[in-house]
Amino acid sequence: MEELNPELLGRLQGYCEWAAEMSWHKQRQSAAKKGFFDTLQNQQSKGFDINAEILGKVSALVLQKQVPFHQQTVQVHEDIHETMTALKTLFKDMHTELFVEDAAYAVGKMHEHAVVLHDTVSKQGALFKAMGHKTYADYFSQILYLYDKEGDTEEKLKFFATDALKSTHIILKHVNENYFVRMKKLAVDSQYIEDHRELFVAVYAVGLCSRALATLYGLPPDDVKKTEELFLNDIIQKT
C-alpha cells in the first residue's frame, strides 16, 4: 500500500512534534484572547474610542496569529483524515475494524469542525479589520457571537479527539496482546514480523494520527503513547 512508507510515518511523527509545540502557543493565545474579551465585554458600552487600544491588540492576535494557525491546522486535519480513511481498509474483517472505523469517524468530524473553526476565526478577523466608530456596535455583537461559536467548536474538537484517542488505545492494546502476548512463541521469529509488517505499520500510523490530534487540543495522550511504545518495543526486539 503506497500510503505505508517511511515518508508518511515521518510526516505523522512530524505532526506529533508540531502539535506539541503549537498546543503551547494555542493555549497562550486563547488565554490572552479570553482576557481581552473579558475586558471588552465589561466595558462594551463605553464605545469605540475607549476600547480602541484593546481592540487593536485582539485584532492583531486574531489576524496575525490565529488565522494563519487555523489555516495550517485545516491542512493537517485534512491530511490526517485522508490517511485514516486509507488506513482503515487494511483492517477489514478484523476484530479491530469497528474501533478503527470509530477512530476514522472521529478524525473526519474533527476535520469538519476544524474547517468551521478556521471560518469562524477568519470572520472575526474581517470584522475587527473593518470596525470603526460607525460599525462598532453592530460588528462587536457579531464578534461576540463568533467568539462563543469558536469556544463551542473547540469543545467539539476536544470531544472527538477524546473519542479517537480511546478507540486508538483499544486498537494498539488489542494488536499488542493478540500478536505478541498470545502469539509470543511465533513472535520470536523475524519472519512473523515481516509477514504482518503492513498491519503493524498501519496500527502505528493510526496511533500517530490520534496522538497528534489529541496533543493539538491539549489532551494527554499518555495511555496511547505508552501502549504505542510497548508495541514498538515488541517489534524492535523481534527484528
Protein backbone atom coordinates (compact mmCIF):
# COMPACT_ATOMS: atom_id res chain seq x y z
CA MET A 1 0.00 0.00 0.00
CA GLU A 2 1.53 3.26 -1.16
CA GLU A 3 0.44 5.20 1.93
CA LEU A 4 2.52 2.99 4.24
CA ASN A 5 6.01 4.29 3.60
CA PRO A 6 8.73 6.00 5.64
CA GLU A 7 7.71 9.39 4.27
CA LEU A 8 4.18 9.01 5.65
CA LEU A 9 5.37 7.86 9.08
CA GLY A 10 7.91 10.68 9.16
CA ARG A 11 5.17 13.18 8.33
CA LEU A 12 2.87 11.83 11.05
CA GLN A 13 5.69 11.90 13.59
CA GLY A 14 6.31 15.48 12.48
CA TYR A 15 2.67 16.31 13.15
CA CYS A 16 3.03 14.97 16.70
CA GLU A 17 6.02 17.23 17.30
CA TRP A 18 4.31 20.18 15.62
CA ALA A 19 1.16 19.62 17.71
CA ALA A 20 3.15 19.62 20.97
CA GLU A 21 4.70 22.99 20.09
CA MET A 22 1.52 24.51 18.66
CA SER A 23 -0.61 23.39 21.61
CA TRP A 24 1.55 25.52 23.92
CA HIS A 25 1.21 28.59 21.67
CA LYS A 26 -2.50 27.89 21.21
CA GLN A 27 -3.13 27.83 24.97
CA ARG A 28 -1.28 31.11 25.46
CA GLN A 29 -3.19 32.77 22.62
CA SER A 30 -6.53 31.51 23.95
CA ALA A 31 -5.75 32.79 27.44
CA ALA A 32 -4.73 36.21 26.08
CA LYS A 33 -7.83 36.37 23.89
CA LYS A 34 -10.11 35.49 26.80
CA GLY A 35 -8.53 38.27 28.84
CA PHE A 36 -9.14 40.77 26.03
CA PHE A 37 -12.74 39.67 25.58
CA ASP A 38 -13.47 39.75 29.31
CA THR A 39 -12.29 43.35 29.41
CA LEU A 40 -14.17 44.30 26.23
CA GLN A 41 -17.43 42.80 27.46
CA ASN A 42 -17.13 44.64 30.77
CA GLN A 43 -16.67 48.00 29.06
CA GLN A 44 -18.56 47.37 25.82
CA SER A 45 -20.93 50.30 26.44
CA LYS A 46 -18.04 52.78 26.66
CA GLY A 47 -17.76 52.86 22.89
CA PHE A 48 -15.12 52.53 20.22
CA ASP A 49 -12.66 55.21 21.35
CA ILE A 50 -12.24 53.85 24.89
CA ASN A 51 -11.80 50.32 23.56
CA ALA A 52 -9.69 51.18 20.51
CA GLU A 53 -6.37 50.11 22.03
CA ILE A 54 -7.56 46.71 23.27
CA LEU A 55 -9.50 46.16 20.04
CA GLY A 56 -6.25 46.70 18.18
CA LYS A 57 -4.48 44.11 20.33
CA VAL A 58 -7.11 41.40 19.92
CA SER A 59 -7.39 42.21 16.20
CA ALA A 60 -3.63 41.68 15.80
CA LEU A 61 -3.84 38.42 17.74
CA VAL A 62 -6.65 37.10 15.53
CA LEU A 63 -5.29 38.28 12.16
CA GLN A 64 -1.57 37.73 12.66
CA LYS A 65 -1.57 34.57 14.77
CA GLN A 66 -4.90 32.74 14.89
CA VAL A 67 -5.97 32.94 11.24
CA PRO A 68 -2.65 31.60 9.84
CA PHE A 69 -2.54 28.94 12.56
CA HIS A 70 -6.05 27.66 11.83
CA GLN A 71 -5.35 27.67 8.11
CA GLN A 72 -2.37 25.39 8.76
CA THR A 73 -4.43 23.29 11.16
CA VAL A 74 -7.08 22.63 8.50
CA GLN A 75 -4.36 21.30 6.18
CA VAL A 76 -3.06 18.97 8.90
CA HIS A 77 -6.58 17.75 9.67
CA GLU A 78 -7.24 17.10 6.00
CA ASP A 79 -4.05 15.08 5.60
CA ILE A 80 -4.70 13.03 8.75
CA HIS A 81 -8.31 12.42 7.72
CA GLU A 82 -7.23 11.18 4.27
CA THR A 83 -4.59 8.98 5.89
CA MET A 84 -7.07 7.42 8.32
CA THR A 85 -9.57 6.81 5.51
CA ALA A 86 -6.88 4.94 3.55
CA LEU A 87 -5.62 3.01 6.57
CA LYS A 88 -8.99 1.68 7.69
CA THR A 89 -9.27 -0.53 4.59
CA LEU A 90 -6.39 -2.62 5.97
CA PHE A 91 -8.47 -3.63 8.99
CA LYS A 92 -11.43 -5.03 7.07
CA ASP A 93 -12.94 -8.17 8.68
CA MET A 94 -10.60 -7.89 11.67
CA HIS A 95 -11.67 -7.67 15.31
CA THR A 96 -10.37 -4.11 15.45
CA GLU A 97 -12.30 -2.97 12.35
CA LEU A 98 -15.10 -1.27 14.31
CA PHE A 99 -12.64 0.58 16.54
CA VAL A 100 -10.69 1.77 13.50
CA GLU A 101 -13.98 2.91 11.97
CA ASP A 102 -14.79 4.80 15.17
CA ALA A 103 -11.38 6.47 15.19
CA ALA A 104 -11.65 7.36 11.50
CA TYR A 105 -15.15 8.78 12.02
CA ALA A 106 -13.93 10.93 14.92
CA VAL A 107 -10.99 12.19 12.84
CA GLY A 108 -13.40 13.01 9.98
CA LYS A 109 -15.65 15.01 12.31
CA MET A 110 -12.60 16.84 13.62
CA HIS A 111 -11.68 17.85 10.08
CA GLU A 112 -15.19 19.25 9.58
CA HIS A 113 -15.03 21.23 12.82
CA ALA A 114 -11.52 22.48 12.06
CA VAL A 115 -12.86 23.96 8.82
CA VAL A 116 -15.71 25.62 10.76
CA LEU A 117 -13.25 26.98 13.33
CA HIS A 118 -11.00 28.45 10.66
CA ASP A 119 -14.01 30.10 9.01
CA THR A 120 -15.21 31.45 12.37
CA VAL A 121 -11.86 32.98 13.29
CA SER A 122 -11.42 34.39 9.76
CA LYS A 123 -14.79 36.13 10.04
CA GLN A 124 -13.75 37.57 13.39
CA GLY A 125 -10.61 38.94 11.77
CA ALA A 126 -12.54 40.53 8.92
CA LEU A 127 -14.92 42.25 11.35
CA PHE A 128 -12.09 43.54 13.53
CA LYS A 129 -10.34 44.89 10.45
CA ALA A 130 -13.47 46.71 9.24
CA MET A 131 -14.55 48.01 12.65
CA GLY A 132 -14.79 51.75 13.22
CA HIS A 133 -16.88 54.34 15.06
CA LYS A 134 -20.00 53.76 12.98
CA THR A 135 -19.78 49.99 12.84
CA TYR A 136 -18.63 49.35 16.41
CA ALA A 137 -21.97 48.42 18.00
CA ASP A 138 -23.11 46.17 15.17
CA TYR A 139 -19.78 44.47 14.50
CA PHE A 140 -18.95 43.96 18.15
CA SER A 141 -22.15 41.98 18.76
CA GLN A 142 -21.30 39.80 15.74
CA ILE A 143 -17.76 39.27 17.04
CA LEU A 144 -19.10 38.18 20.43
CA TYR A 145 -21.34 35.64 18.71
CA LEU A 146 -18.38 34.33 16.71
CA TYR A 147 -16.23 34.16 19.85
CA ASP A 148 -18.86 31.98 21.54
CA LYS A 149 -19.01 29.83 18.40
CA GLU A 150 -15.22 29.49 18.49
CA GLY A 151 -15.41 28.14 22.04
CA ASP A 152 -18.21 25.71 21.19
CA THR A 153 -16.30 24.39 18.17
CA GLU A 154 -13.15 23.91 20.25
CA GLU A 155 -15.17 21.78 22.70
CA LYS A 156 -16.47 19.64 19.83
CA LEU A 157 -12.92 19.14 18.59
CA LYS A 158 -11.82 18.01 22.06
CA PHE A 159 -14.81 15.66 22.30
CA PHE A 160 -13.96 13.88 19.04
CA ALA A 161 -10.22 13.91 19.83
CA THR A 162 -11.07 12.04 23.04
CA ASP A 163 -13.11 9.51 21.06
CA ALA A 164 -10.29 8.94 18.57
CA LEU A 165 -7.80 8.53 21.41
CA LYS A 166 -9.95 5.96 23.22
CA SER A 167 -10.52 3.88 20.08
CA THR A 168 -6.83 4.03 19.18
CA HIS A 169 -5.79 2.85 22.62
CA ILE A 170 -8.08 -0.18 22.23
CA ILE A 171 -6.60 -0.93 18.78
CA LEU A 172 -2.99 -0.74 19.97
CA LYS A 173 -3.71 -2.78 23.08
CA HIS A 174 -5.63 -5.46 21.17
CA VAL A 175 -2.98 -5.90 18.47
CA ASN A 176 -0.17 -5.99 21.01
CA GLU A 177 -1.92 -8.58 23.18
CA ASN A 178 -3.06 -10.77 20.30
CA TYR A 179 0.03 -10.63 18.09
CA PHE A 180 2.77 -10.54 20.73
CA VAL A 181 1.41 -11.79 24.07
CA ARG A 182 -0.85 -14.63 22.96
CA MET A 183 1.35 -15.46 19.98
CA LYS A 184 4.64 -15.00 21.82
CA LYS A 185 6.08 -18.30 20.56
CA LEU A 186 5.56 -17.26 16.94
CA ALA A 187 6.51 -13.66 17.61
CA VAL A 188 10.14 -14.60 18.25
CA ASP A 189 10.53 -15.26 14.52
CA SER A 190 11.54 -12.23 12.42
CA GLN A 191 9.58 -13.71 9.51
CA TYR A 192 6.43 -13.44 11.64
CA ILE A 193 7.05 -9.70 11.93
CA GLU A 194 7.72 -9.40 8.22
CA ASP A 195 4.52 -11.28 7.34
CA HIS A 196 2.47 -8.85 9.43
CA ARG A 197 4.54 -5.74 8.74
CA GLU A 198 1.83 -3.92 6.79
CA LEU A 199 -0.65 -4.37 9.65
CA PHE A 200 1.86 -3.30 12.32
CA VAL A 201 2.86 -0.18 10.39
CA ALA A 202 -0.82 0.66 9.87
CA VAL A 203 -1.51 0.33 13.60
CA TYR A 204 1.45 2.56 14.40
CA ALA A 205 0.24 5.13 11.83
CA VAL A 206 -3.26 5.15 13.38
CA GLY A 207 -1.65 5.77 16.76
CA LEU A 208 0.35 8.71 15.40
CA CYS A 209 -2.76 10.25 13.81
CA SER A 210 -4.77 10.18 17.03
CA ARG A 211 -1.83 11.25 19.18
CA ALA A 212 -1.12 14.29 17.01
CA LEU A 213 -4.73 15.50 17.18
CA ALA A 214 -5.09 14.83 20.90
CA THR A 215 -1.88 16.74 21.60
CA LEU A 216 -3.00 19.67 19.47
CA TYR A 217 -6.17 20.11 21.55
CA GLY A 218 -4.45 19.76 24.90
CA LEU A 219 -5.47 16.18 25.69
CA PRO A 220 -2.85 13.97 27.36
CA PRO A 221 -2.15 11.02 25.00
CA ASP A 222 -0.24 9.18 27.76
CA ASP A 223 -2.08 5.84 27.54
CA VAL A 224 -1.78 5.69 23.75
CA LYS A 225 1.88 6.72 23.81
CA LYS A 226 2.70 4.12 26.48
CA THR A 227 0.94 1.32 24.58
CA GLU A 228 2.49 2.55 21.35
CA GLU A 229 5.98 2.34 22.88
CA LEU A 230 5.29 -1.18 24.17
CA PHE A 231 4.04 -2.14 20.72
CA LEU A 232 7.17 -0.73 19.04
CA ASN A 233 9.49 -2.39 21.54
CA ASP A 234 7.90 -5.78 20.81
CA ILE A 235 8.51 -5.25 17.09
CA ILE A 236 12.08 -3.98 17.51
CA GLN A 237 13.05 -6.88 19.79
CA LYS A 238 11.97 -9.38 17.14
CA THR A 239 13.79 -7.73 14.20
